[in-house]
Amino acid sequence: MSDAAAWDARYAPPGTLFGEEPNRYLESQAARLRPGMRALALGDGEGRNGAWLAGQGLKVTAVDWSAAGLAKAGALAASRGVALRTVVADLVEWRWPVEGFDLLAWIFVHLPPADRALVAARAAESLAPGGLLVLEGFTPAPEGRRAGGPRDPALLWSAALVRESFPGLEVLELMEGTVLLDEGPKHQGHAEVVRALLRRG
């Protein structure tokens, strides 16, 4: 089974894996958002972040490799009366628009190192001048402390890895530590994460 097919299977049952409310760190950036901004939600699955951004008046594209997840994303946006463009694609193979976005939400997207480097470079290029990248990812944690996320340590983030992955972006915020997640049934409890806000000059 391919990774996309595996996620289709995970998203197939009724309900949501990560809830319908936005990621809390992304939500904390609300004061920086302006209606009409162009936003990209990476690996947005069932659409909780993309639909929320659309509700703030942004023009949002949500990309994920799971058609089942994005079908739920479209339904969530429709239920809120907002427009959400969905694209079923592998981020490694997707044709990224250059300088296409004012905001990019990279929330719990964990990729193998080579793929991560490629996607990070394309993400940075896809930001318009002054564009913001909001990132949250799981970091290495003691056993039992991570509320969700990959078990393979090669897929995890760190503050140092954020700096290494986006060398051309200005770091506005960069925090690493323990948070209490309450984001659907799959993200519950204390977790070790990195949170970053970056800006293209």
N, C-alpha and C. Protein backbone atom coordinates (compact mmCIF):
# COMPACT_ATOMS: atom_id res chain seq x y z
N MET A 1 0.85 -1.20 0.00
CA MET A 1 0.00 0.00 0.00
C MET A 1 0.88 1.25 0.00
N SER A 2 0.59 2.17 -0.91
CA SER A 2 1.36 3.42 -0.96
C SER A 2 1.02 4.28 0.24
N ASP A 3 1.88 5.29 0.50
CA ASP A 3 1.61 6.20 1.62
C ASP A 3 0.29 6.94 1.41
N ALA A 4 0.01 7.35 0.18
CA ALA A 4 -1.25 8.05 -0.09
C ALA A 4 -2.44 7.13 0.18
N ALA A 5 -2.33 5.88 -0.26
CA ALA A 5 -3.42 4.93 -0.03
C ALA A 5 -3.60 4.65 1.45
N ALA A 6 -2.49 4.63 2.19
CA ALA A 6 -2.57 4.40 3.63
C ALA A 6 -3.32 5.55 4.32
N TRP A 7 -3.03 6.78 3.89
CA TRP A 7 -3.74 7.92 4.47
C TRP A 7 -5.21 7.95 4.03
N ASP A 8 -5.49 7.54 2.80
CA ASP A 8 -6.89 7.43 2.36
C ASP A 8 -7.64 6.49 3.30
N ALA A 9 -6.99 5.37 3.64
CA ALA A 9 -7.63 4.40 4.53
C ALA A 9 -7.84 4.99 5.93
N ARG A 10 -6.89 5.78 6.40
CA ARG A 10 -7.02 6.38 7.73
C ARG A 10 -8.14 7.41 7.76
N TYR A 11 -8.29 8.14 6.66
CA TYR A 11 -9.31 9.20 6.61
C TYR A 11 -10.69 8.68 6.24
N ALA A 12 -10.79 7.42 5.80
CA ALA A 12 -12.06 6.91 5.28
C ALA A 12 -13.19 6.86 6.32
N PRO A 13 -12.93 6.46 7.56
CA PRO A 13 -14.05 6.37 8.52
C PRO A 13 -14.67 7.73 8.80
N PRO A 14 -15.90 7.75 9.28
CA PRO A 14 -16.54 9.02 9.65
C PRO A 14 -15.74 9.73 10.75
N GLY A 15 -15.95 11.03 10.84
CA GLY A 15 -15.24 11.80 11.86
C GLY A 15 -13.90 12.29 11.35
N THR A 16 -13.14 12.93 12.23
CA THR A 16 -11.84 13.47 11.86
C THR A 16 -10.76 12.94 12.80
N LEU A 17 -9.54 12.82 12.26
CA LEU A 17 -8.42 12.34 13.06
C LEU A 17 -7.84 13.43 13.95
N PHE A 18 -7.84 14.67 13.43
CA PHE A 18 -7.16 15.77 14.12
C PHE A 18 -8.11 16.91 14.45
N GLY A 19 -9.40 16.63 14.41
CA GLY A 19 -10.39 17.64 14.76
C GLY A 19 -10.68 18.61 13.63
N GLU A 20 -11.57 19.54 13.90
CA GLU A 20 -11.97 20.53 12.89
C GLU A 20 -11.45 21.93 13.23
N GLU A 21 -10.83 22.08 14.39
CA GLU A 21 -10.30 23.38 14.78
C GLU A 21 -8.86 23.50 14.28
N PRO A 22 -8.39 24.72 14.04
CA PRO A 22 -7.04 24.89 13.49
C PRO A 22 -5.97 24.54 14.51
N ASN A 23 -4.80 24.29 14.01
CA ASN A 23 -3.63 24.16 14.86
C ASN A 23 -3.47 25.42 15.71
N ARG A 24 -3.17 25.25 16.99
CA ARG A 24 -3.16 26.39 17.92
C ARG A 24 -2.05 27.38 17.61
N TYR A 25 -0.92 26.89 17.15
CA TYR A 25 0.15 27.84 16.82
C TYR A 25 -0.22 28.66 15.59
N LEU A 26 -0.79 28.01 14.58
CA LEU A 26 -1.25 28.75 13.42
C LEU A 26 -2.30 29.78 13.83
N GLU A 27 -3.22 29.37 14.67
CA GLU A 27 -4.28 30.27 15.13
C GLU A 27 -3.70 31.48 15.88
N SER A 28 -2.59 31.27 16.57
CA SER A 28 -1.98 32.36 17.33
C SER A 28 -1.42 33.46 16.44
N GLN A 29 -1.31 33.18 15.14
CA GLN A 29 -0.79 34.18 14.19
C GLN A 29 -1.91 35.00 13.54
N ALA A 30 -3.13 34.89 14.07
CA ALA A 30 -4.29 35.52 13.43
C ALA A 30 -4.11 37.02 13.21
N ALA A 31 -3.43 37.70 14.12
CA ALA A 31 -3.27 39.15 13.99
C ALA A 31 -2.42 39.52 12.78
N ARG A 32 -1.65 38.60 12.26
CA ARG A 32 -0.81 38.87 11.09
C ARG A 32 -1.55 38.66 9.77
N LEU A 33 -2.74 38.11 9.83
CA LEU A 33 -3.48 37.77 8.62
C LEU A 33 -4.33 38.93 8.14
N ARG A 34 -4.46 39.03 6.82
CA ARG A 34 -5.29 40.06 6.21
C ARG A 34 -6.15 39.42 5.13
N PRO A 35 -7.42 39.82 5.02
CA PRO A 35 -8.26 39.30 3.94
C PRO A 35 -7.60 39.50 2.58
N GLY A 36 -7.73 38.50 1.74
CA GLY A 36 -7.14 38.58 0.41
C GLY A 36 -5.75 38.00 0.30
N MET A 37 -5.09 37.74 1.43
CA MET A 37 -3.79 37.09 1.37
C MET A 37 -3.92 35.71 0.73
N ARG A 38 -2.90 35.33 0.01
CA ARG A 38 -2.87 34.01 -0.65
C ARG A 38 -2.17 33.03 0.28
N ALA A 39 -2.83 31.95 0.63
CA ALA A 39 -2.28 31.01 1.60
C ALA A 39 -2.21 29.60 1.03
N LEU A 40 -1.22 28.85 1.50
CA LEU A 40 -1.05 27.46 1.14
C LEU A 40 -0.98 26.63 2.41
N ALA A 41 -1.84 25.63 2.52
CA ALA A 41 -1.82 24.70 3.66
C ALA A 41 -1.26 23.37 3.18
N LEU A 42 -0.07 23.05 3.64
CA LEU A 42 0.61 21.82 3.21
C LEU A 42 0.13 20.62 4.00
N GLY A 43 -0.04 19.50 3.32
CA GLY A 43 -0.44 18.28 4.00
C GLY A 43 -1.66 18.51 4.88
N ASP A 44 -2.66 19.19 4.33
CA ASP A 44 -3.77 19.68 5.16
C ASP A 44 -4.83 18.63 5.46
N GLY A 45 -4.68 17.43 4.91
CA GLY A 45 -5.57 16.33 5.29
C GLY A 45 -7.04 16.69 5.21
N GLU A 46 -7.71 16.68 6.36
CA GLU A 46 -9.15 16.91 6.42
C GLU A 46 -9.51 18.40 6.46
N GLY A 47 -8.52 19.27 6.33
CA GLY A 47 -8.80 20.66 6.04
C GLY A 47 -8.96 21.61 7.21
N ARG A 48 -8.59 21.19 8.41
CA ARG A 48 -8.86 22.05 9.56
C ARG A 48 -8.12 23.40 9.47
N ASN A 49 -6.90 23.38 8.95
CA ASN A 49 -6.15 24.63 8.86
C ASN A 49 -6.55 25.45 7.64
N GLY A 50 -6.72 24.79 6.51
CA GLY A 50 -7.13 25.51 5.31
C GLY A 50 -8.49 26.15 5.45
N ALA A 51 -9.45 25.43 6.03
CA ALA A 51 -10.79 25.98 6.21
C ALA A 51 -10.78 27.16 7.17
N TRP A 52 -9.95 27.06 8.21
CA TRP A 52 -9.86 28.19 9.15
C TRP A 52 -9.26 29.42 8.48
N LEU A 53 -8.20 29.22 7.72
CA LEU A 53 -7.58 30.34 7.01
C LEU A 53 -8.58 30.97 6.03
N ALA A 54 -9.35 30.14 5.34
CA ALA A 54 -10.36 30.67 4.43
C ALA A 54 -11.41 31.47 5.20
N GLY A 55 -11.71 31.04 6.41
CA GLY A 55 -12.66 31.76 7.23
C GLY A 55 -12.15 33.12 7.69
N GLN A 56 -10.82 33.31 7.61
CA GLN A 56 -10.24 34.61 7.94
C GLN A 56 -10.18 35.53 6.72
N GLY A 57 -10.74 35.05 5.60
CA GLY A 57 -10.78 35.86 4.40
C GLY A 57 -9.62 35.66 3.45
N LEU A 58 -8.80 34.63 3.70
CA LEU A 58 -7.66 34.37 2.83
C LEU A 58 -8.09 33.51 1.64
N LYS A 59 -7.32 33.60 0.55
CA LYS A 59 -7.52 32.76 -0.62
C LYS A 59 -6.62 31.55 -0.46
N VAL A 60 -7.22 30.38 -0.18
CA VAL A 60 -6.45 29.24 0.33
C VAL A 60 -6.41 28.09 -0.66
N THR A 61 -5.22 27.54 -0.81
CA THR A 61 -5.02 26.27 -1.49
C THR A 61 -4.55 25.25 -0.48
N ALA A 62 -5.22 24.11 -0.41
CA ALA A 62 -4.83 23.01 0.48
C ALA A 62 -4.31 21.86 -0.37
N VAL A 63 -3.09 21.43 -0.09
CA VAL A 63 -2.47 20.34 -0.84
C VAL A 63 -2.26 19.14 0.07
N ASP A 64 -2.65 17.97 -0.39
CA ASP A 64 -2.42 16.73 0.35
C ASP A 64 -2.43 15.59 -0.66
N TRP A 65 -1.77 14.50 -0.32
CA TRP A 65 -1.78 13.37 -1.25
C TRP A 65 -2.95 12.44 -1.03
N SER A 66 -3.80 12.73 -0.05
CA SER A 66 -4.97 11.91 0.21
C SER A 66 -6.24 12.54 -0.35
N ALA A 67 -6.81 11.91 -1.36
CA ALA A 67 -8.07 12.40 -1.91
C ALA A 67 -9.19 12.28 -0.88
N ALA A 68 -9.14 11.23 -0.04
CA ALA A 68 -10.17 11.05 0.98
C ALA A 68 -10.12 12.18 2.00
N GLY A 69 -8.91 12.56 2.40
CA GLY A 69 -8.78 13.66 3.34
C GLY A 69 -9.29 14.96 2.77
N LEU A 70 -8.91 15.25 1.53
CA LEU A 70 -9.32 16.52 0.93
C LEU A 70 -10.80 16.56 0.61
N ALA A 71 -11.43 15.40 0.41
CA ALA A 71 -12.89 15.39 0.25
C ALA A 71 -13.54 15.90 1.53
N LYS A 72 -13.01 15.50 2.68
CA LYS A 72 -13.52 16.02 3.95
C LYS A 72 -13.19 17.49 4.11
N ALA A 73 -12.02 17.90 3.62
CA ALA A 73 -11.65 19.31 3.69
C ALA A 73 -12.64 20.16 2.91
N GLY A 74 -12.99 19.71 1.71
CA GLY A 74 -13.95 20.46 0.92
C GLY A 74 -15.31 20.54 1.59
N ALA A 75 -15.71 19.44 2.21
CA ALA A 75 -17.00 19.42 2.91
C ALA A 75 -16.97 20.35 4.13
N LEU A 76 -15.85 20.39 4.84
CA LEU A 76 -15.72 21.27 6.00
C LEU A 76 -15.81 22.72 5.57
N ALA A 77 -15.10 23.07 4.52
CA ALA A 77 -15.15 24.45 4.02
C ALA A 77 -16.56 24.81 3.58
N ALA A 78 -17.23 23.90 2.87
CA ALA A 78 -18.58 24.17 2.39
C ALA A 78 -19.53 24.38 3.56
N SER A 79 -19.33 23.60 4.63
CA SER A 79 -20.22 23.73 5.79
C SER A 79 -20.06 25.08 6.47
N ARG A 80 -18.93 25.72 6.25
CA ARG A 80 -18.67 27.04 6.84
C ARG A 80 -18.91 28.17 5.85
N GLY A 81 -19.28 27.81 4.63
CA GLY A 81 -19.57 28.82 3.63
C GLY A 81 -18.34 29.55 3.12
N VAL A 82 -17.18 28.85 3.09
CA VAL A 82 -15.95 29.48 2.61
C VAL A 82 -15.39 28.68 1.43
N ALA A 83 -14.59 29.35 0.63
CA ALA A 83 -14.00 28.71 -0.55
C ALA A 83 -12.64 28.14 -0.19
N LEU A 84 -12.40 26.91 -0.59
CA LEU A 84 -11.12 26.25 -0.36
C LEU A 84 -10.74 25.47 -1.61
N ARG A 85 -9.64 25.84 -2.21
CA ARG A 85 -9.14 25.10 -3.38
C ARG A 85 -8.32 23.92 -2.87
N THR A 86 -8.65 22.72 -3.32
CA THR A 86 -7.93 21.53 -2.89
C THR A 86 -7.18 20.93 -4.06
N VAL A 87 -5.97 20.46 -3.79
CA VAL A 87 -5.12 19.84 -4.80
C VAL A 87 -4.58 18.53 -4.26
N VAL A 88 -4.91 17.42 -4.91
CA VAL A 88 -4.38 16.12 -4.53
C VAL A 88 -3.03 15.95 -5.23
N ALA A 89 -1.96 15.96 -4.45
CA ALA A 89 -0.62 15.87 -5.03
C ALA A 89 0.39 15.47 -3.98
N ASP A 90 1.46 14.84 -4.45
CA ASP A 90 2.64 14.57 -3.64
C ASP A 90 3.48 15.86 -3.63
N LEU A 91 3.82 16.36 -2.47
CA LEU A 91 4.54 17.63 -2.38
C LEU A 91 5.90 17.58 -3.08
N VAL A 92 6.48 16.39 -3.19
CA VAL A 92 7.76 16.26 -3.88
C VAL A 92 7.60 16.46 -5.38
N GLU A 93 6.48 16.01 -5.92
CA GLU A 93 6.27 16.05 -7.37
C GLU A 93 5.42 17.22 -7.82
N TRP A 94 4.77 17.91 -6.90
CA TRP A 94 3.86 19.00 -7.25
C TRP A 94 4.61 20.15 -7.91
N ARG A 95 3.98 20.79 -8.87
CA ARG A 95 4.57 21.97 -9.51
C ARG A 95 4.24 23.19 -8.65
N TRP A 96 5.17 23.60 -7.83
CA TRP A 96 4.96 24.71 -6.91
C TRP A 96 4.97 26.04 -7.66
N PRO A 97 4.04 26.94 -7.38
CA PRO A 97 4.08 28.26 -8.00
C PRO A 97 5.14 29.13 -7.33
N VAL A 98 5.95 29.78 -8.11
CA VAL A 98 6.99 30.66 -7.57
C VAL A 98 6.37 31.97 -7.11
N GLU A 99 6.72 32.37 -5.89
CA GLU A 99 6.21 33.61 -5.29
C GLU A 99 4.68 33.65 -5.34
N GLY A 100 4.07 32.51 -5.09
CA GLY A 100 2.62 32.43 -5.22
C GLY A 100 1.83 32.69 -3.96
N PHE A 101 2.51 32.75 -2.78
CA PHE A 101 1.75 32.78 -1.53
C PHE A 101 2.30 33.80 -0.53
N ASP A 102 1.38 34.39 0.20
CA ASP A 102 1.73 35.31 1.28
C ASP A 102 1.87 34.60 2.61
N LEU A 103 1.31 33.40 2.71
CA LEU A 103 1.38 32.62 3.94
C LEU A 103 1.44 31.15 3.58
N LEU A 104 2.30 30.43 4.26
CA LEU A 104 2.41 28.99 4.06
C LEU A 104 2.32 28.33 5.43
N ALA A 105 1.36 27.41 5.58
CA ALA A 105 1.19 26.67 6.84
C ALA A 105 1.77 25.27 6.68
N TRP A 106 2.85 25.01 7.40
CA TRP A 106 3.53 23.71 7.39
C TRP A 106 3.31 23.11 8.77
N ILE A 107 2.20 22.42 8.95
CA ILE A 107 1.77 21.94 10.26
C ILE A 107 1.84 20.42 10.31
N PHE A 108 2.75 19.92 11.13
CA PHE A 108 2.93 18.48 11.32
C PHE A 108 3.07 17.73 9.99
N VAL A 109 3.89 18.28 9.11
CA VAL A 109 4.25 17.60 7.87
C VAL A 109 5.66 17.05 8.08
N HIS A 110 5.77 15.72 8.10
CA HIS A 110 7.04 15.06 8.41
C HIS A 110 7.45 14.21 7.21
N LEU A 111 8.61 14.52 6.66
CA LEU A 111 9.07 13.88 5.43
C LEU A 111 10.47 13.28 5.63
N PRO A 112 10.82 12.27 4.84
CA PRO A 112 12.19 11.77 4.86
C PRO A 112 13.17 12.90 4.53
N PRO A 113 14.41 12.83 5.03
CA PRO A 113 15.33 13.96 4.89
C PRO A 113 15.49 14.52 3.48
N ALA A 114 15.66 13.66 2.48
CA ALA A 114 15.85 14.17 1.11
C ALA A 114 14.60 14.87 0.60
N ASP A 115 13.43 14.29 0.88
CA ASP A 115 12.17 14.91 0.47
C ASP A 115 11.95 16.22 1.22
N ARG A 116 12.26 16.21 2.51
CA ARG A 116 12.09 17.42 3.32
C ARG A 116 12.93 18.57 2.77
N ALA A 117 14.16 18.29 2.41
CA ALA A 117 15.03 19.33 1.87
C ALA A 117 14.48 19.90 0.57
N LEU A 118 13.99 19.02 -0.29
CA LEU A 118 13.44 19.48 -1.57
C LEU A 118 12.18 20.30 -1.36
N VAL A 119 11.27 19.80 -0.52
CA VAL A 119 10.01 20.51 -0.29
C VAL A 119 10.26 21.83 0.43
N ALA A 120 11.20 21.87 1.36
CA ALA A 120 11.52 23.12 2.05
C ALA A 120 12.03 24.17 1.08
N ALA A 121 12.89 23.76 0.14
CA ALA A 121 13.41 24.71 -0.83
C ALA A 121 12.29 25.25 -1.72
N ARG A 122 11.41 24.38 -2.14
CA ARG A 122 10.30 24.83 -2.99
C ARG A 122 9.30 25.67 -2.20
N ALA A 123 9.10 25.33 -0.94
CA ALA A 123 8.21 26.14 -0.11
C ALA A 123 8.74 27.56 0.02
N ALA A 124 10.04 27.68 0.27
CA ALA A 124 10.64 29.02 0.40
C ALA A 124 10.48 29.81 -0.89
N GLU A 125 10.68 29.14 -2.03
CA GLU A 125 10.54 29.81 -3.32
C GLU A 125 9.09 30.20 -3.59
N SER A 126 8.14 29.48 -3.01
CA SER A 126 6.73 29.75 -3.28
C SER A 126 6.21 30.95 -2.49
N LEU A 127 6.98 31.42 -1.51
CA LEU A 127 6.57 32.59 -0.74
C LEU A 127 6.83 33.86 -1.53
N ALA A 128 5.86 34.75 -1.53
CA ALA A 128 6.06 36.08 -2.10
C ALA A 128 6.98 36.87 -1.18
N PRO A 129 7.62 37.93 -1.67
CA PRO A 129 8.41 38.78 -0.79
C PRO A 129 7.58 39.24 0.41
N GLY A 130 8.14 39.09 1.59
CA GLY A 130 7.41 39.40 2.81
C GLY A 130 6.51 38.30 3.29
N GLY A 131 6.41 37.20 2.54
CA GLY A 131 5.54 36.09 2.91
C GLY A 131 6.00 35.36 4.15
N LEU A 132 5.04 34.79 4.86
CA LEU A 132 5.31 34.13 6.14
C LEU A 132 5.15 32.62 6.02
N LEU A 133 6.02 31.90 6.72
CA LEU A 133 5.91 30.45 6.84
C LEU A 133 5.69 30.13 8.32
N VAL A 134 4.59 29.45 8.61
CA VAL A 134 4.26 29.03 9.98
C VAL A 134 4.46 27.52 10.04
N LEU A 135 5.33 27.07 10.94
CA LEU A 135 5.67 25.65 11.01
C LEU A 135 5.53 25.13 12.42
N GLU A 136 4.91 23.96 12.56
CA GLU A 136 4.97 23.21 13.81
C GLU A 136 5.23 21.75 13.47
N GLY A 137 6.18 21.15 14.18
CA GLY A 137 6.50 19.75 13.94
C GLY A 137 6.97 19.08 15.22
N PHE A 138 6.83 17.78 15.24
CA PHE A 138 7.27 17.01 16.40
C PHE A 138 8.80 16.92 16.43
N THR A 139 9.35 16.95 17.63
CA THR A 139 10.78 16.80 17.84
C THR A 139 11.03 15.50 18.63
N PRO A 140 12.29 15.06 18.72
CA PRO A 140 12.57 13.87 19.53
C PRO A 140 12.08 14.06 20.96
N ALA A 141 11.52 12.99 21.53
CA ALA A 141 10.92 13.10 22.86
C ALA A 141 11.14 11.80 23.62
N PRO A 142 11.15 11.89 24.95
CA PRO A 142 11.20 10.66 25.74
C PRO A 142 10.00 9.77 25.42
N GLU A 143 10.16 8.51 25.59
CA GLU A 143 9.07 7.57 25.30
C GLU A 143 7.82 7.96 26.09
N GLY A 144 6.72 8.01 25.38
CA GLY A 144 5.45 8.32 26.04
C GLY A 144 5.11 9.79 26.10
N ARG A 145 6.00 10.67 25.64
CA ARG A 145 5.72 12.09 25.75
C ARG A 145 5.15 12.69 24.46
N ARG A 146 5.23 11.98 23.35
CA ARG A 146 4.78 12.56 22.09
C ARG A 146 3.34 12.17 21.81
N ALA A 147 2.45 13.15 21.73
CA ALA A 147 1.03 12.89 21.48
C ALA A 147 0.79 12.83 19.98
N GLY A 148 1.23 11.76 19.36
CA GLY A 148 1.11 11.62 17.92
C GLY A 148 2.46 11.81 17.26
N GLY A 149 2.47 11.74 15.93
CA GLY A 149 3.70 11.97 15.19
C GLY A 149 4.43 10.69 14.84
N PRO A 150 5.44 10.81 13.96
CA PRO A 150 6.16 9.64 13.47
C PRO A 150 7.10 9.05 14.52
N ARG A 151 7.33 7.76 14.42
CA ARG A 151 8.27 7.08 15.32
C ARG A 151 9.68 7.09 14.77
N ASP A 152 9.81 7.22 13.46
CA ASP A 152 11.13 7.25 12.83
C ASP A 152 11.82 8.57 13.16
N PRO A 153 12.94 8.56 13.88
CA PRO A 153 13.59 9.82 14.26
C PRO A 153 14.06 10.66 13.07
N ALA A 154 14.28 10.02 11.93
CA ALA A 154 14.73 10.77 10.75
C ALA A 154 13.66 11.72 10.24
N LEU A 155 12.40 11.48 10.63
CA LEU A 155 11.29 12.32 10.16
C LEU A 155 11.02 13.51 11.08
N LEU A 156 11.68 13.56 12.23
CA LEU A 156 11.37 14.58 13.23
C LEU A 156 12.12 15.88 12.97
N TRP A 157 11.60 16.94 13.59
CA TRP A 157 12.16 18.28 13.45
C TRP A 157 13.01 18.65 14.66
N SER A 158 13.71 19.74 14.55
CA SER A 158 14.40 20.40 15.66
C SER A 158 14.56 21.86 15.28
N ALA A 159 14.87 22.70 16.24
CA ALA A 159 15.09 24.11 15.93
C ALA A 159 16.26 24.26 14.96
N ALA A 160 17.32 23.49 15.19
CA ALA A 160 18.48 23.56 14.30
C ALA A 160 18.11 23.14 12.88
N LEU A 161 17.26 22.13 12.76
CA LEU A 161 16.86 21.66 11.44
C LEU A 161 16.00 22.70 10.72
N VAL A 162 15.18 23.44 11.46
CA VAL A 162 14.40 24.51 10.85
C VAL A 162 15.35 25.54 10.22
N ARG A 163 16.35 25.96 10.99
CA ARG A 163 17.31 26.93 10.45
C ARG A 163 18.04 26.39 9.23
N GLU A 164 18.42 25.12 9.30
CA GLU A 164 19.14 24.49 8.19
C GLU A 164 18.26 24.35 6.95
N SER A 165 16.97 24.09 7.16
CA SER A 165 16.07 23.81 6.03
C SER A 165 15.64 25.07 5.30
N PHE A 166 15.65 26.22 6.00
CA PHE A 166 15.17 27.47 5.40
C PHE A 166 16.22 28.57 5.57
N PRO A 167 17.40 28.39 5.00
CA PRO A 167 18.50 29.33 5.25
C PRO A 167 18.24 30.73 4.72
N GLY A 168 17.38 30.86 3.73
CA GLY A 168 17.14 32.18 3.14
C GLY A 168 16.01 32.96 3.79
N LEU A 169 15.37 32.38 4.80
CA LEU A 169 14.24 33.05 5.44
C LEU A 169 14.65 33.65 6.79
N GLU A 170 14.06 34.77 7.11
CA GLU A 170 14.32 35.44 8.39
C GLU A 170 13.52 34.74 9.50
N VAL A 171 14.17 34.46 10.61
CA VAL A 171 13.51 33.81 11.74
C VAL A 171 12.88 34.88 12.63
N LEU A 172 11.55 34.88 12.71
CA LEU A 172 10.83 35.80 13.59
C LEU A 172 10.54 35.16 14.94
N GLU A 173 10.22 33.88 14.94
CA GLU A 173 9.98 33.12 16.16
C GLU A 173 10.54 31.72 15.97
N LEU A 174 11.14 31.16 17.01
CA LEU A 174 11.64 29.78 16.95
C LEU A 174 11.69 29.25 18.38
N MET A 175 10.80 28.31 18.66
CA MET A 175 10.66 27.78 20.01
C MET A 175 10.64 26.25 19.97
N GLU A 176 11.29 25.66 20.94
CA GLU A 176 11.34 24.20 21.02
C GLU A 176 11.03 23.80 22.46
N GLY A 177 10.08 22.89 22.66
CA GLY A 177 9.75 22.48 24.02
C GLY A 177 8.48 21.66 24.08
N THR A 178 7.90 21.60 25.27
CA THR A 178 6.72 20.77 25.52
C THR A 178 5.45 21.60 25.44
N VAL A 179 4.45 21.09 24.73
CA VAL A 179 3.14 21.73 24.66
C VAL A 179 2.09 20.68 24.98
N LEU A 180 0.90 21.14 25.31
CA LEU A 180 -0.23 20.25 25.54
C LEU A 180 -1.14 20.34 24.33
N LEU A 181 -1.22 19.25 23.57
CA LEU A 181 -2.03 19.23 22.35
C LEU A 181 -3.44 18.74 22.65
N ASP A 182 -4.40 19.37 22.01
CA ASP A 182 -5.81 18.96 22.07
C ASP A 182 -6.39 19.18 20.68
N GLU A 183 -5.95 18.34 19.73
CA GLU A 183 -6.29 18.51 18.32
C GLU A 183 -6.79 17.19 17.76
N GLY A 184 -8.04 16.85 18.09
CA GLY A 184 -8.61 15.62 17.59
C GLY A 184 -8.07 14.42 18.33
N PRO A 185 -8.60 13.23 18.04
CA PRO A 185 -8.22 12.03 18.79
C PRO A 185 -6.76 11.61 18.63
N LYS A 186 -6.11 12.03 17.55
CA LYS A 186 -4.74 11.58 17.29
C LYS A 186 -3.67 12.50 17.88
N HIS A 187 -4.05 13.69 18.31
CA HIS A 187 -3.09 14.62 18.92
C HIS A 187 -3.62 15.05 20.28
N GLN A 188 -3.43 14.19 21.27
CA GLN A 188 -3.92 14.47 22.61
C GLN A 188 -2.80 14.26 23.62
N GLY A 189 -2.55 15.28 24.45
CA GLY A 189 -1.58 15.13 25.52
C GLY A 189 -0.32 15.93 25.29
N HIS A 190 0.64 15.73 26.18
CA HIS A 190 1.89 16.47 26.10
C HIS A 190 2.74 15.95 24.94
N ALA A 191 3.38 16.90 24.27
CA ALA A 191 4.21 16.54 23.13
C ALA A 191 5.39 17.49 23.05
N GLU A 192 6.48 16.99 22.49
CA GLU A 192 7.66 17.82 22.25
C GLU A 192 7.59 18.32 20.81
N VAL A 193 7.63 19.64 20.64
CA VAL A 193 7.48 20.22 19.31
C VAL A 193 8.46 21.37 19.10
N VAL A 194 8.61 21.73 17.84
CA VAL A 194 9.24 22.99 17.48
C VAL A 194 8.19 23.83 16.77
N ARG A 195 8.19 25.13 17.08
CA ARG A 195 7.29 26.08 16.44
C ARG A 195 8.12 27.20 15.85
N ALA A 196 7.82 27.55 14.61
CA ALA A 196 8.64 28.55 13.94
C ALA A 196 7.78 29.47 13.08
N LEU A 197 8.16 30.74 13.08
CA LEU A 197 7.57 31.73 12.18
C LEU A 197 8.72 32.35 11.41
N LEU A 198 8.70 32.18 10.10
CA LEU A 198 9.77 32.63 9.23
C LEU A 198 9.21 33.59 8.19
N ARG A 199 10.07 34.47 7.68
CA ARG A 199 9.61 35.45 6.68
C ARG A 199 10.62 35.55 5.54
N ARG A 200 10.07 35.62 4.34
CA ARG A 200 10.92 35.85 3.17
C ARG A 200 11.17 37.35 3.02
N GLY A 201 12.40 37.71 2.80
CA GLY A 201 12.76 39.12 2.65
C GLY A 201 12.32 39.70 1.32
